PDB file of N, CA and C in Angstrom:
ATOM      1  N   MET A   1     -31.085 -20.921 -76.709  1.00  0.00           N
ATOM      2  CA  MET A   1     -31.835 -20.931 -75.453  1.00  0.00           C
ATOM      3  C   MET A   1     -33.324 -20.930 -75.809  1.00  0.00           C
ATOM      4  N   ASN A   2     -34.066 -21.892 -75.264  1.00  0.00           N
ATOM      5  CA  ASN A   2     -35.507 -21.920 -75.547  1.00  0.00           C
ATOM      6  C   ASN A   2     -36.249 -20.957 -74.623  1.00  0.00           C
ATOM      7  N   LYS A   3     -37.554 -20.792 -74.861  1.00  0.00           N
ATOM      8  CA  LYS A   3     -38.329 -19.788 -74.118  1.00  0.00           C
ATOM      9  C   LYS A   3     -38.386 -20.099 -72.621  1.00  0.00           C
ATOM     10  N   THR A   4     -38.494 -21.381 -72.257  1.00  0.00           N
ATOM     11  CA  THR A   4     -38.511 -21.748 -70.831  1.00  0.00           C
ATOM     12  C   THR A   4     -37.207 -21.326 -70.168  1.00  0.00           C
ATOM     13  N   GLU A   5     -36.089 -21.560 -70.831  1.00  0.00           N
ATOM     14  CA  GLU A   5     -34.785 -21.167 -70.278  1.00  0.00           C
ATOM     15  C   GLU A   5     -34.664 -19.648 -70.170  1.00  0.00           C
ATOM     16  N   LYS A   6     -35.213 -18.929 -71.131  1.00  0.00           N
ATOM     17  CA  LYS A   6     -35.196 -17.465 -71.070  1.00  0.00           C
ATOM     18  C   LYS A   6     -35.995 -16.972 -69.868  1.00  0.00           C
ATOM     19  N   ILE A   7     -37.135 -17.605 -69.609  1.00  0.00           N
ATOM     20  CA  ILE A   7     -37.953 -17.224 -68.454  1.00  0.00           C
ATOM     21  C   ILE A   7     -37.219 -17.571 -67.161  1.00  0.00           C
ATOM     22  N   GLN A   8     -36.566 -18.722 -67.122  1.00  0.00           N
ATOM     23  CA  GLN A   8     -35.784 -19.097 -65.941  1.00  0.00           C
ATOM     24  C   GLN A   8     -34.691 -18.063 -65.682  1.00  0.00           C
ATOM     25  N   HIS A   9     -34.060 -17.575 -66.736  1.00  0.00           N
ATOM     26  CA  HIS A   9     -33.024 -16.555 -66.595  1.00  0.00           C
ATOM     27  C   HIS A   9     -33.609 -15.292 -65.957  1.00  0.00           C
ATOM     28  N   TRP A  10     -34.810 -14.912 -66.380  1.00  0.00           N
ATOM     29  CA  TRP A  10     -35.486 -13.758 -65.780  1.00  0.00           C
ATOM     30  C   TRP A  10     -35.819 -14.027 -64.314  1.00  0.00           C
ATOM     31  N   LEU A  11     -36.292 -15.233 -64.015  1.00  0.00           N
ATOM     32  CA  LEU A  11     -36.644 -15.565 -62.632  1.00  0.00           C
ATOM     33  C   LEU A  11     -35.435 -15.482 -61.711  1.00  0.00           C
ATOM     34  N   THR A  12     -34.283 -15.880 -62.183  1.00  0.00           N
ATOM     35  CA  THR A  12     -33.095 -15.898 -61.332  1.00  0.00           C
ATOM     36  C   THR A  12     -32.288 -14.615 -61.417  1.00  0.00           C
ATOM     37  N   GLY A  13     -32.423 -13.865 -62.535  1.00  0.00           N
ATOM     38  CA  GLY A  13     -31.598 -12.691 -62.714  1.00  0.00           C
ATOM     39  C   GLY A  13     -32.293 -11.368 -62.506  1.00  0.00           C
ATOM     40  N   GLU A  14     -33.623 -11.378 -62.449  1.00  0.00           N
ATOM     41  CA  GLU A  14     -34.415 -10.166 -62.237  1.00  0.00           C
ATOM     42  C   GLU A  14     -34.193  -9.108 -63.312  1.00  0.00           C
ATOM     43  N   ARG A  15     -33.764  -9.502 -64.502  1.00  0.00           N
ATOM     44  CA  ARG A  15     -33.586  -8.540 -65.588  1.00  0.00           C
ATOM     45  C   ARG A  15     -34.834  -8.497 -66.451  1.00  0.00           C
ATOM     46  N   ASN A  16     -35.239  -7.307 -66.849  1.00  0.00           N
ATOM     47  CA  ASN A  16     -36.372  -7.175 -67.767  1.00  0.00           C
ATOM     48  C   ASN A  16     -35.980  -7.744 -69.120  1.00  0.00           C
ATOM     49  N   ALA A  17     -36.960  -8.347 -69.797  1.00  0.00           N
ATOM     50  CA  ALA A  17     -36.704  -8.916 -71.117  1.00  0.00           C
ATOM     51  C   ALA A  17     -38.003  -8.968 -71.900  1.00  0.00           C
ATOM     52  N   SER A  18     -37.882  -8.936 -73.219  1.00  0.00           N
ATOM     53  CA  SER A  18     -39.036  -9.113 -74.099  1.00  0.00           C
ATOM     54  C   SER A  18     -38.657 -10.106 -75.178  1.00  0.00           C
ATOM     55  N   TYR A  19     -39.556 -11.024 -75.430  1.00  0.00           N
ATOM     56  CA  TYR A  19     -39.381 -12.033 -76.470  1.00  0.00           C
ATOM     57  C   TYR A  19     -40.664 -12.047 -77.280  1.00  0.00           C
ATOM     58  N   GLY A  20     -40.693 -11.278 -78.360  1.00  0.00           N
ATOM     59  CA  GLY A  20     -41.916 -11.145 -79.144  1.00  0.00           C
ATOM     60  C   GLY A  20     -42.986 -10.478 -78.294  1.00  0.00           C
ATOM     61  N   ALA A  21     -44.133 -11.135 -78.138  1.00  0.00           N
ATOM     62  CA  ALA A  21     -45.247 -10.575 -77.363  1.00  0.00           C
ATOM     63  C   ALA A  21     -45.140 -10.878 -75.869  1.00  0.00           C
ATOM     64  N   LEU A  22     -44.131 -11.638 -75.446  1.00  0.00           N
ATOM     65  CA  LEU A  22     -43.939 -11.952 -74.027  1.00  0.00           C
ATOM     66  C   LEU A  22     -43.002 -10.921 -73.420  1.00  0.00           C
ATOM     67  N   HIS A  23     -43.476 -10.235 -72.381  1.00  0.00           N
ATOM     68  CA  HIS A  23     -42.687  -9.197 -71.717  1.00  0.00           C
ATOM     69  C   HIS A  23     -42.527  -9.571 -70.246  1.00  0.00           C
ATOM     70  N   LEU A  24     -41.287  -9.618 -69.788  1.00  0.00           N
ATOM     71  CA  LEU A  24     -40.937  -9.964 -68.412  1.00  0.00           C
ATOM     72  C   LEU A  24     -40.369  -8.703 -67.777  1.00  0.00           C
ATOM     73  N   ILE A  25     -41.190  -8.063 -66.955  1.00  0.00           N
ATOM     74  CA  ILE A  25     -40.838  -6.749 -66.426  1.00  0.00           C
ATOM     75  C   ILE A  25     -40.963  -6.753 -64.913  1.00  0.00           C
ATOM     76  N   GLY A  26     -39.855  -6.479 -64.244  1.00  0.00           N
ATOM     77  CA  GLY A  26     -39.861  -6.474 -62.783  1.00  0.00           C
ATOM     78  C   GLY A  26     -40.241  -7.840 -62.253  1.00  0.00           C
ATOM     79  N   CYS A  27     -41.365  -7.894 -61.574  1.00  0.00           N
ATOM     80  CA  CYS A  27     -41.857  -9.143 -60.986  1.00  0.00           C
ATOM     81  C   CYS A  27     -43.098  -9.657 -61.708  1.00  0.00           C
ATOM     82  N   SER A  28     -43.354  -9.161 -62.904  1.00  0.00           N
ATOM     83  CA  SER A  28     -44.570  -9.531 -63.624  1.00  0.00           C
ATOM     84  C   SER A  28     -44.264  -9.928 -65.062  1.00  0.00           C
ATOM     85  N   ALA A  29     -45.121 -10.796 -65.594  1.00  0.00           N
ATOM     86  CA  ALA A  29     -45.006 -11.222 -66.989  1.00  0.00           C
ATOM     87  C   ALA A  29     -46.299 -10.866 -67.705  1.00  0.00           C
ATOM     88  N   PHE A  30     -46.150 -10.409 -68.930  1.00  0.00           N
ATOM     89  CA  PHE A  30     -47.297  -9.978 -69.728  1.00  0.00           C
ATOM     90  C   PHE A  30     -47.214 -10.603 -71.114  1.00  0.00           C
ATOM     91  N   THR A  31     -48.373 -10.874 -71.711  1.00  0.00           N
ATOM     92  CA  THR A  31     -48.445 -11.238 -73.113  1.00  0.00           C
ATOM     93  C   THR A  31     -49.434 -10.279 -73.746  1.00  0.00           C
ATOM     94  N   TYR A  32     -48.993  -9.617 -74.804  1.00  0.00           N
ATOM     95  CA  TYR A  32     -49.790  -8.539 -75.391  1.00  0.00           C
ATOM     96  C   TYR A  32     -50.149  -7.564 -74.274  1.00  0.00           C
ATOM     97  N   ASN A  33     -51.409  -7.302 -73.992  1.00  0.00           N
ATOM     98  CA  ASN A  33     -51.777  -6.377 -72.911  1.00  0.00           C
ATOM     99  C   ASN A  33     -52.406  -7.120 -71.738  1.00  0.00           C
ATOM    100  N   VAL A  34     -52.096  -8.399 -71.588  1.00  0.00           N
ATOM    101  CA  VAL A  34     -52.673  -9.237 -70.538  1.00  0.00           C
ATOM    102  C   VAL A  34     -51.591  -9.600 -69.517  1.00  0.00           C
ATOM    103  N   THR A  35     -51.904  -9.427 -68.239  1.00  0.00           N
ATOM    104  CA  THR A  35     -50.988  -9.851 -67.185  1.00  0.00           C
ATOM    105  C   THR A  35     -51.093 -11.361 -67.036  1.00  0.00           C
ATOM    106  N   LEU A  36     -49.956 -12.045 -67.184  1.00  0.00           N
ATOM    107  CA  LEU A  36     -49.938 -13.506 -67.031  1.00  0.00           C
ATOM    108  C   LEU A  36     -49.574 -13.938 -65.622  1.00  0.00           C
ATOM    109  N   CYS A  37     -48.634 -13.242 -64.988  1.00  0.00           N
ATOM    110  CA  CYS A  37     -48.278 -13.657 -63.634  1.00  0.00           C
ATOM    111  C   CYS A  37     -47.515 -12.577 -62.893  1.00  0.00           C
ATOM    112  N   HIS A  38     -47.502 -12.747 -61.597  1.00  0.00           N
ATOM    113  CA  HIS A  38     -46.662 -11.969 -60.693  1.00  0.00           C
ATOM    114  C   HIS A  38     -45.847 -12.985 -59.904  1.00  0.00           C
ATOM    115  N   VAL A  39     -44.562 -12.711 -59.731  1.00  0.00           N
ATOM    116  CA  VAL A  39     -43.705 -13.614 -58.969  1.00  0.00           C
ATOM    117  C   VAL A  39     -43.147 -12.901 -57.743  1.00  0.00           C
ATOM    118  N   ASP A  40     -43.035 -13.639 -56.677  1.00  0.00           N
ATOM    119  CA  ASP A  40     -42.384 -13.173 -55.454  1.00  0.00           C
ATOM    120  C   ASP A  40     -41.125 -14.022 -55.317  1.00  0.00           C
ATOM    121  N   ARG A  41     -40.013 -13.473 -55.756  1.00  0.00           N
ATOM    122  CA  ARG A  41     -38.759 -14.233 -55.764  1.00  0.00           C
ATOM    123  C   ARG A  41     -38.296 -14.593 -54.357  1.00  0.00           C
ATOM    124  N   LEU A  42     -38.516 -13.707 -53.416  1.00  0.00           N
ATOM    125  CA  LEU A  42     -38.068 -13.949 -52.045  1.00  0.00           C
ATOM    126  C   LEU A  42     -38.751 -15.180 -51.449  1.00  0.00           C
ATOM    127  N   ASN A  43     -40.068 -15.283 -51.610  1.00  0.00           N
ATOM    128  CA  ASN A  43     -40.828 -16.400 -51.047  1.00  0.00           C
ATOM    129  C   ASN A  43     -41.037 -17.547 -52.036  1.00  0.00           C
ATOM    130  N   ARG A  44     -40.532 -17.371 -53.275  1.00  0.00           N
ATOM    131  CA  ARG A  44     -40.635 -18.381 -54.331  1.00  0.00           C
ATOM    132  C   ARG A  44     -42.087 -18.804 -54.566  1.00  0.00           C
ATOM    133  N   THR A  45     -42.940 -17.788 -54.713  1.00  0.00           N
ATOM    134  CA  THR A  45     -44.348 -18.014 -55.024  1.00  0.00           C
ATOM    135  C   THR A  45     -44.711 -17.229 -56.276  1.00  0.00           C
ATOM    136  N   ALA A  46     -45.785 -17.657 -56.921  1.00  0.00           N
ATOM    137  CA  ALA A  46     -46.260 -16.958 -58.116  1.00  0.00           C
ATOM    138  C   ALA A  46     -47.768 -17.092 -58.204  1.00  0.00           C
ATOM    139  N   VAL A  47     -48.400 -16.069 -58.770  1.00  0.00           N
ATOM    140  CA  VAL A  47     -49.831 -16.096 -59.077  1.00  0.00           C
ATOM    141  C   VAL A  47     -49.906 -16.067 -60.598  1.00  0.00           C
ATOM    142  N   LEU A  48     -50.515 -17.097 -61.201  1.00  0.00           N
ATOM    143  CA  LEU A  48     -50.505 -17.276 -62.645  1.00  0.00           C
ATOM    144  C   LEU A  48     -51.909 -17.269 -63.219  1.00  0.00           C
ATOM    145  N   ASN A  49     -52.105 -16.470 -64.249  1.00  0.00           N
ATOM    146  CA  ASN A  49     -53.372 -16.360 -64.967  1.00  0.00           C
ATOM    147  C   ASN A  49     -53.573 -17.631 -65.798  1.00  0.00           C
ATOM    148  N   ASN A  50     -54.607 -18.399 -65.512  1.00  0.00           N
ATOM    149  CA  ASN A  50     -54.856 -19.671 -66.186  1.00  0.00           C
ATOM    150  C   ASN A  50     -55.923 -19.566 -67.281  1.00  0.00           C
ATOM    151  N   ARG A  51     -56.416 -18.371 -67.549  1.00  0.00           N
ATOM    152  CA  ARG A  51     -57.453 -18.184 -68.565  1.00  0.00           C
ATOM    153  C   ARG A  51     -56.844 -18.308 -69.966  1.00  0.00           C
ATOM    154  N   THR A  52     -57.612 -18.833 -70.903  1.00  0.00           N
ATOM    155  CA  THR A  52     -57.170 -18.964 -72.285  1.00  0.00           C
ATOM    156  C   THR A  52     -57.573 -17.719 -73.072  1.00  0.00           C
ATOM    157  N   TYR A  53     -56.602 -17.094 -73.735  1.00  0.00           N
ATOM    158  CA  TYR A  53     -56.855 -15.912 -74.552  1.00  0.00           C
ATOM    159  C   TYR A  53     -56.583 -16.214 -76.023  1.00  0.00           C
ATOM    160  N   SER A  54     -55.427 -16.784 -76.307  1.00  0.00           N
ATOM    161  CA  SER A  54     -55.051 -17.111 -77.681  1.00  0.00           C
ATOM    162  C   SER A  54     -54.030 -18.242 -77.629  1.00  0.00           C
ATOM    163  N   THR A  55     -53.720 -18.788 -78.778  1.00  0.00           N
ATOM    164  CA  THR A  55     -52.705 -19.845 -78.841  1.00  0.00           C
ATOM    165  C   THR A  55     -51.367 -19.322 -78.334  1.00  0.00           C
ATOM    166  N   THR A  56     -51.021 -18.111 -78.734  1.00  0.00           N
ATOM    167  CA  THR A  56     -49.746 -17.527 -78.304  1.00  0.00           C
ATOM    168  C   THR A  56     -49.709 -17.307 -76.801  1.00  0.00           C
ATOM    169  N   SER A  57     -50.755 -16.708 -76.234  1.00  0.00           N
ATOM    170  CA  SER A  57     -50.753 -16.450 -74.789  1.00  0.00           C
ATOM    171  C   SER A  57     -50.784 -17.751 -73.999  1.00  0.00           C
ATOM    172  N   SER A  58     -51.473 -18.765 -74.512  1.00  0.00           N
ATOM    173  CA  SER A  58     -51.479 -20.072 -73.841  1.00  0.00           C
ATOM    174  C   SER A  58     -50.083 -20.676 -73.843  1.00  0.00           C
ATOM    175  N   GLY A  59     -49.374 -20.526 -74.951  1.00  0.00           N
ATOM    176  CA  GLY A  59     -47.993 -21.003 -75.008  1.00  0.00           C
ATOM    177  C   GLY A  59     -47.112 -20.269 -74.017  1.00  0.00           C
ATOM    178  N   HIS A  60     -47.277 -18.956 -73.921  1.00  0.00           N
ATOM    179  CA  HIS A  60     -46.501 -18.174 -72.946  1.00  0.00           C
ATOM    180  C   HIS A  60     -46.813 -18.635 -71.523  1.00  0.00           C
ATOM    181  N   ARG A  61     -48.102 -18.816 -71.237  1.00  0.00           N
ATOM    182  CA  ARG A  61     -48.497 -19.271 -69.901  1.00  0.00           C
ATOM    183  C   ARG A  61     -47.876 -20.632 -69.593  1.00  0.00           C
ATOM    184  N   ASN A  62     -47.930 -21.543 -70.547  1.00  0.00           N
ATOM    185  CA  ASN A  62     -47.393 -22.881 -70.320  1.00  0.00           C
ATOM    186  C   ASN A  62     -45.885 -22.858 -70.105  1.00  0.00           C
ATOM    187  N   ARG A  63     -45.167 -22.015 -70.853  1.00  0.00           N
ATOM    188  CA  ARG A  63     -43.718 -21.903 -70.649  1.00  0.00           C
ATOM    189  C   ARG A  63     -43.416 -21.259 -69.294  1.00  0.00           C
ATOM    190  N   LEU A  64     -44.230 -20.273 -68.887  1.00  0.00           N
ATOM    191  CA  LEU A  64     -44.056 -19.675 -67.558  1.00  0.00           C
ATOM    192  C   LEU A  64     -44.253 -20.717 -66.470  1.00  0.00           C
ATOM    193  N   LEU A  65     -45.318 -21.498 -66.582  1.00  0.00           N
ATOM    194  CA  LEU A  65     -45.593 -22.529 -65.586  1.00  0.00           C
ATOM    195  C   LEU A  65     -44.449 -23.534 -65.525  1.00  0.00           C
ATOM    196  N   GLU A  66     -43.967 -23.934 -66.681  1.00  0.00           N
ATOM    197  CA  GLU A  66     -42.851 -24.883 -66.735  1.00  0.00           C
ATOM    198  C   GLU A  66     -41.612 -24.308 -66.036  1.00  0.00           C
ATOM    199  N   ALA A  67     -41.271 -23.053 -66.343  1.00  0.00           N
ATOM    200  CA  ALA A  67     -40.100 -22.417 -65.736  1.00  0.00           C
ATOM    201  C   ALA A  67     -40.278 -22.253 -64.227  1.00  0.00           C
ATOM    202  N   LEU A  68     -41.468 -21.845 -63.809  1.00  0.00           N
ATOM    203  CA  LEU A  68     -41.730 -21.680 -62.371  1.00  0.00           C
ATOM    204  C   LEU A  68     -41.572 -23.008 -61.631  1.00  0.00           C
ATOM    205  N   GLU A  69     -42.098 -24.067 -62.208  1.00  0.00           N
ATOM    206  CA  GLU A  69     -41.980 -25.384 -61.577  1.00  0.00           C
ATOM    207  C   GLU A  69     -40.524 -25.843 -61.532  1.00  0.00           C
ATOM    208  N   LEU A  70     -39.777 -25.620 -62.612  1.00  0.00           N
ATOM    209  CA  LEU A  70     -38.362 -25.995 -62.633  1.00  0.00           C
ATOM    210  C   LEU A  70     -37.550 -25.228 -61.596  1.00  0.00           C
ATOM    211  N   GLU A  71     -37.965 -23.999 -61.304  1.00  0.00           N
ATOM    212  CA  GLU A  71     -37.262 -23.179 -60.314  1.00  0.00           C
ATOM    213  C   GLU A  71     -37.792 -23.383 -58.894  1.00  0.00           C
ATOM    214  N   GLY A  72     -38.760 -24.268 -58.733  1.00  0.00           N
ATOM    215  CA  GLY A  72     -39.258 -24.602 -57.397  1.00  0.00           C
ATOM    216  C   GLY A  72     -40.237 -23.603 -56.804  1.00  0.00           C
ATOM    217  N   TYR A  73     -40.951 -22.871 -57.640  1.00  0.00           N
ATOM    218  CA  TYR A  73     -41.950 -21.912 -57.156  1.00  0.00           C
ATOM    219  C   TYR A  73     -43.252 -22.625 -56.806  1.00  0.00           C
ATOM    220  N   ARG A  74     -43.932 -22.122 -55.789  1.00  0.00           N
ATOM    221  CA  ARG A  74     -45.292 -22.570 -55.465  1.00  0.00           C
ATOM    222  C   ARG A  74     -46.233 -21.653 -56.249  1.00  0.00           C
ATOM    223  N   VAL A  75     -47.042 -22.254 -57.115  1.00  0.00           N
ATOM    224  CA  VAL A  75     -47.863 -21.487 -58.055  1.00  0.00           C
ATOM    225  C   VAL A  75     -49.335 -21.562 -57.665  1.00  0.00           C
ATOM    226  N   THR A  76     -49.989 -20.406 -57.622  1.00  0.00           N
ATOM    227  CA  THR A  76     -51.431 -20.305 -57.439  1.00  0.00           C
ATOM    228  C   THR A  76     -52.025 -19.873 -58.767  1.00  0.00           C
ATOM    229  N   LEU A  77     -53.011 -20.628 -59.262  1.00  0.00           N
ATOM    230  CA  LEU A  77     -53.663 -20.307 -60.524  1.00  0.00           C
ATOM    231  C   LEU A  77     -54.884 -19.430 -60.287  1.00  0.00           C
ATOM    232  N   THR A  78     -55.110 -18.474 -61.186  1.00  0.00           N
ATOM    233  CA  THR A  78     -56.303 -17.628 -61.133  1.00  0.00           C
ATOM    234  C   THR A  78     -57.014 -17.722 -62.478  1.00  0.00           C
ATOM    235  N   ASP A  79     -58.302 -17.424 -62.482  1.00  0.00           N
ATOM    236  CA  ASP A  79     -59.066 -17.405 -63.724  1.00  0.00           C
ATOM    237  C   ASP A  79     -59.200 -15.960 -64.179  1.00  0.00           C
ATOM    238  N   GLY A  80     -58.148 -15.446 -64.735  1.00  0.00           N
ATOM    239  CA  GLY A  80     -58.114 -14.055 -65.170  1.00  0.00           C
ATOM    240  C   GLY A  80     -56.845 -13.398 -64.683  1.00  0.00           C
ATOM    241  N   GLN A  81     -56.714 -12.132 -65.024  1.00  0.00           N
ATOM    242  CA  GLN A  81     -55.505 -11.409 -64.680  1.00  0.00           C
ATOM    243  C   GLN A  81     -55.352 -11.322 -63.164  1.00  0.00           C
ATOM    244  N   PRO A  82     -54.213 -11.772 -62.650  1.00  0.00           N
ATOM    245  CA  PRO A  82     -54.022 -11.783 -61.205  1.00  0.00           C
ATOM    246  C   PRO A  82     -53.771 -10.388 -60.645  1.00  0.00           C
ATOM    247  N   ALA A  83     -54.346 -10.148 -59.494  1.00  0.00           N
ATOM    248  CA  ALA A  83     -54.043  -8.917 -58.755  1.00  0.00           C
ATOM    249  C   ALA A  83     -52.774  -9.180 -57.954  1.00  0.00           C
ATOM    250  N   LEU A  84     -52.056  -8.129 -57.659  1.00  0.00           N
ATOM    251  CA  LEU A  84     -50.903  -8.301 -56.779  1.00  0.00           C
ATOM    252  C   LEU A  84     -51.395  -8.712 -55.402  1.00  0.00           C
ATOM    253  N   PRO A  85     -50.781  -9.731 -54.800  1.00  0.00           N
ATOM    254  CA  PRO A  85     -51.180 -10.120 -53.448  1.00  0.00           C
ATOM    255  C   PRO A  85     -50.999  -8.954 -52.479  1.00  0.00           C
ATOM    256  N   GLU A  86     -51.854  -8.892 -51.475  1.00  0.00           N
ATOM    257  CA  GLU A  86     -51.761  -7.815 -50.478  1.00  0.00           C
ATOM    258  C   GLU A  86     -50.388  -7.823 -49.830  1.00  0.00           C
ATOM    259  N   GLY A  87     -49.794  -6.664 -49.750  1.00  0.00           N
ATOM    260  CA  GLY A  87     -48.476  -6.515 -49.137  1.00  0.00           C
ATOM    261  C   GLY A  87     -47.328  -6.875 -50.064  1.00  0.00           C
ATOM    262  N   PHE A  88     -47.622  -7.264 -51.293  1.00  0.00           N
ATOM    263  CA  PHE A  88     -46.581  -7.661 -52.241  1.00  0.00           C
ATOM    264  C   PHE A  88     -45.764  -6.464 -52.665  1.00  0.00           C
ATOM    265  N   GLU A  89     -44.468  -6.625 -52.662  1.00  0.00           N
ATOM    266  CA  GLU A  89     -43.574  -5.586 -53.170  1.00  0.00           C
ATOM    267  C   GLU A  89     -42.517  -6.245 -54.026  1.00  0.00           C
ATOM    268  N   CYS A  90     -42.274  -5.665 -55.148  1.00  0.00           N
ATOM    269  CA  CYS A  90     -41.226  -6.159 -56.030  1.00  0.00           C
ATOM    270  C   CYS A  90     -39.925  -5.452 -55.634  1.00  0.00           C
ATOM    271  N   PRO A  91     -38.960  -6.199 -55.110  1.00  0.00           N
ATOM    272  CA  PRO A  91     -37.696  -5.553 -54.711  1.00  0.00           C
ATOM    273  C   PRO A  91     -37.023  -4.898 -55.907  1.00  0.00           C
ATOM    274  N   LYS A  92     -36.431  -3.770 -55.682  1.00  0.00           N
ATOM    275  CA  LYS A  92     -35.682  -3.064 -56.734  1.00  0.00           C
ATOM    276  C   LYS A  92     -34.292  -3.677 -56.810  1.00  0.00           C
ATOM    277  N   GLY A  93     -33.867  -4.022 -58.016  1.00  0.00           N
ATOM    278  CA  GLY A  93     -32.563  -4.677 -58.213  1.00  0.00           C
ATOM    279  C   GLY A  93     -31.435  -3.713 -58.344  1.00  0.00           C
TER     280      GLY A  93
END
């Protein structure tokens, strides 16, 4: 299973996972200590950090974007770590 498929599994299964420096926890994805995105599974939307930090974090961001697009999410890009949208709640699984 490649990294995009692993992220898709997290998007559809809501299970926490870590793959090296990429951590998929609840409704958020992190690389090292940087927040890469927050996802709203119910509304199929995501806020994605588009800033470049390192080759590794850029790869994580690109795989996240690819997985989000494959799963039909509407993605909003931010220049830096995204804040949780107002009223956003991550449902407990």
